[in-house]
């Protein structure tokens, strides 16, 4: 009798193990699919936004301008991403320019200005554009205004090529 109940217990244990493994694999697959869909959607949005910013810079920047930002004033809601762009036309034959954001007024952070590539490799006379994003973290109090100066500096010799100040108004969600 004792051997019969041991076999039944072993079968019950192995069936429970199989069920747990199947449920675990199913949940893992569903979770990975969900994450893939979320990340794929976010990537498409940012690529589309960067393409739009590049087009806007090329359309709006005058032929005699050396440094351009697609917008001066931005209304930013906490948690929302805004996309803008910087355009540089290198007339001084520098091959590398470095973009740096700096807070020049307000209780803000340079972390709110997201530059995917702060180093621009330029060709003399060509227009080079780089999109950037403004992302104010969720929970940031609304009302204050932030002032940022974005500066383009040549890598060698280190000279300021151009700069523009932008205004970010923190508005309610």
Protein backbone atom coordinates (compact mmCIF):
# COMPACT_ATOMS: atom_id res chain seq x y z
CA UNK A 1 0.00 0.00 0.00
CA UNK A 2 2.73 2.40 0.90
CA UNK A 3 4.40 2.17 -2.54
CA UNK A 4 1.09 2.95 -4.30
CA UNK A 5 0.60 6.22 -2.38
CA UNK A 6 4.22 7.25 -3.04
CA UNK A 7 3.70 6.80 -6.80
CA UNK A 8 0.48 8.81 -6.68
CA UNK A 9 2.24 11.59 -4.73
CA UNK A 10 5.11 11.63 -7.23
CA UNK A 11 2.69 11.88 -10.17
CA UNK A 12 0.77 14.66 -8.43
CA UNK A 13 3.99 16.56 -7.70
CA UNK A 14 5.26 16.25 -11.28
CA UNK A 15 1.89 17.42 -12.71
CA UNK A 16 1.93 20.42 -10.37
CA UNK A 17 5.47 21.22 -11.49
CA UNK A 18 4.47 21.00 -15.17
CA UNK A 19 1.47 23.28 -14.61
CA UNK A 20 3.61 25.86 -12.76
CA UNK A 21 6.25 25.78 -15.51
CA UNK A 22 3.61 26.20 -18.27
CA UNK A 23 1.98 29.13 -16.44
CA UNK A 24 5.40 30.72 -15.84
CA UNK A 25 6.45 30.43 -19.49
CA UNK A 26 3.08 31.84 -20.60
CA UNK A 27 3.39 34.85 -18.28
CA UNK A 28 6.98 35.44 -19.35
CA UNK A 29 5.99 35.36 -23.04
CA UNK A 30 3.10 37.76 -22.46
CA UNK A 31 5.34 40.10 -20.46
CA UNK A 32 8.08 40.14 -23.09
CA UNK A 33 5.53 40.79 -25.85
CA UNK A 34 4.07 43.68 -23.85
CA UNK A 35 7.49 45.25 -23.24
CA UNK A 36 8.44 44.81 -26.91
CA UNK A 37 5.25 46.58 -28.03
CA UNK A 38 5.78 49.44 -25.58
CA UNK A 39 9.43 49.96 -26.56
CA UNK A 40 8.71 49.59 -30.28
CA UNK A 41 6.04 52.29 -30.08
CA UNK A 42 8.30 54.67 -28.17
CA UNK A 43 11.12 54.17 -30.68
CA UNK A 44 8.81 54.95 -33.61
CA UNK A 45 7.56 58.12 -31.96
CA UNK A 46 11.04 59.46 -31.22
CA UNK A 47 12.38 58.63 -34.70
CA UNK A 48 9.38 60.37 -36.22
CA UNK A 49 9.83 63.38 -33.94
CA UNK A 50 13.55 63.63 -34.78
CA UNK A 51 12.80 63.48 -38.51
CA UNK A 52 10.20 66.23 -38.10
CA UNK A 53 12.64 68.40 -36.12
CA UNK A 54 15.31 67.97 -38.80
CA UNK A 55 12.84 68.93 -41.54
CA UNK A 56 11.70 71.97 -39.54
CA UNK A 57 15.28 73.19 -39.06
CA UNK A 58 16.09 72.79 -42.74
CA UNK A 59 12.91 74.71 -43.70
CA UNK A 60 13.22 77.52 -41.14
CA UNK A 61 16.94 78.22 -40.89
CA UNK A 62 18.00 81.12 -43.09
CA UNK A 63 20.87 80.68 -45.53
CA UNK A 64 22.93 83.31 -43.70
CA UNK A 65 22.31 81.95 -40.17
CA UNK A 66 25.12 80.05 -38.48
CA UNK A 67 23.26 78.83 -35.37
CA UNK A 68 19.53 78.17 -35.06
CA UNK A 69 17.10 76.63 -32.56
CA UNK A 70 13.61 75.70 -33.72
CA UNK A 71 11.74 77.67 -31.11
CA UNK A 72 12.41 80.19 -28.40
CA UNK A 73 9.55 79.55 -25.96
CA UNK A 74 8.26 76.11 -25.01
CA UNK A 75 5.30 75.23 -22.77
CA UNK A 76 6.25 71.98 -21.04
CA UNK A 77 4.00 69.79 -18.94
CA UNK A 78 5.66 67.55 -16.35
CA UNK A 79 6.16 64.08 -17.86
CA UNK A 80 5.66 65.27 -21.45
CA UNK A 81 8.43 65.20 -24.08
CA UNK A 82 8.85 68.15 -26.41
CA UNK A 83 11.10 67.87 -29.44
CA UNK A 84 13.03 70.76 -30.95
CA UNK A 85 16.21 71.02 -32.91
CA UNK A 86 19.52 72.81 -33.23
CA UNK A 87 20.91 73.70 -36.63
CA UNK A 88 24.53 74.69 -37.29
CA UNK A 89 26.05 75.91 -40.54
CA UNK A 90 29.82 75.86 -40.16
CA UNK A 91 31.41 78.74 -42.06
CA UNK A 92 34.65 78.62 -40.04
CA UNK A 93 35.78 75.19 -41.27
CA UNK A 94 35.73 73.60 -37.84
CA UNK A 95 34.96 69.94 -38.15
CA UNK A 96 33.65 69.30 -34.64
CA UNK A 97 31.29 71.40 -32.55
CA UNK A 98 30.13 70.54 -29.04
CA UNK A 99 26.64 71.50 -27.84
CA UNK A 100 26.13 72.25 -24.15
CA UNK A 101 22.92 73.24 -22.38
CA UNK A 102 23.22 75.48 -19.33
CA UNK A 103 20.60 76.75 -16.88
CA UNK A 104 20.73 80.54 -16.94
CA UNK A 105 17.65 81.21 -14.81
CA UNK A 106 15.00 79.43 -12.77
CA UNK A 107 14.88 76.35 -10.57
CA UNK A 108 15.60 73.89 -13.37
CA UNK A 109 18.06 71.19 -14.29
CA UNK A 110 20.23 70.62 -17.35
CA UNK A 111 19.03 67.00 -17.14
CA UNK A 112 15.73 68.24 -18.59
CA UNK A 113 17.44 68.96 -21.93
CA UNK A 114 18.15 65.66 -23.67
CA UNK A 115 20.74 65.88 -26.44
CA UNK A 116 21.16 62.45 -28.05
CA UNK A 117 24.46 63.53 -29.55
CA UNK A 118 26.15 66.63 -28.17
CA UNK A 119 29.07 66.39 -30.62
CA UNK A 120 28.40 67.56 -34.17
CA UNK A 121 30.71 66.62 -37.01
CA UNK A 122 30.33 69.35 -39.60
CA UNK A 123 31.39 69.98 -43.17
CA UNK A 124 32.28 73.55 -44.20
CA UNK A 125 29.15 75.39 -45.35
CA UNK A 126 26.81 72.42 -44.82
CA UNK A 127 23.84 72.52 -42.50
CA UNK A 128 24.06 70.00 -39.67
CA UNK A 129 21.07 69.50 -37.43
CA UNK A 130 20.55 67.70 -34.17
CA UNK A 131 17.19 67.22 -32.50
CA UNK A 132 16.91 67.54 -28.75
CA UNK A 133 14.12 66.91 -26.29
CA UNK A 134 12.82 68.78 -23.29
CA UNK A 135 11.55 66.44 -20.58
CA UNK A 136 10.36 67.90 -17.30
CA UNK A 137 10.02 65.11 -14.70
CA UNK A 138 6.58 64.22 -13.36
CA UNK A 139 5.81 65.88 -10.05
CA UNK A 140 7.73 69.06 -10.87
CA UNK A 141 5.80 72.09 -9.56
CA UNK A 142 4.26 74.15 -12.34
CA UNK A 143 4.47 77.90 -12.67
CA UNK A 144 8.18 78.73 -12.74
CA UNK A 145 9.95 79.61 -15.93
CA UNK A 146 13.30 78.11 -16.86
CA UNK A 147 15.92 79.79 -19.02
CA UNK A 148 18.47 77.66 -20.83
CA UNK A 149 21.35 78.72 -23.02
CA UNK A 150 22.48 76.18 -25.58
CA UNK A 151 26.03 76.89 -26.74
CA UNK A 152 27.98 75.48 -29.67
CA UNK A 153 31.72 75.45 -29.01
CA UNK A 154 34.43 74.36 -31.41
CA UNK A 155 36.44 71.39 -30.19
CA UNK A 156 39.81 72.68 -31.33
CA UNK A 157 40.53 75.53 -30.74
CA UNK A 158 37.90 75.93 -28.03
CA UNK A 159 35.88 78.95 -29.13
CA UNK A 160 32.19 79.76 -28.83
CA UNK A 161 30.64 79.36 -32.27
CA UNK A 162 27.13 80.44 -31.32
CA UNK A 163 24.51 80.32 -28.61
CA UNK A 164 20.78 80.81 -28.16
CA UNK A 165 18.59 81.14 -25.10
CA UNK A 166 15.33 79.23 -24.85
CA UNK A 167 12.51 79.70 -22.37
CA UNK A 168 10.67 76.72 -20.88
CA UNK A 169 7.40 77.56 -19.13
CA UNK A 170 6.24 74.83 -16.73
CA UNK A 171 2.49 74.47 -17.25
CA UNK A 172 -0.07 72.20 -15.58
CA UNK A 173 -0.75 68.71 -16.88
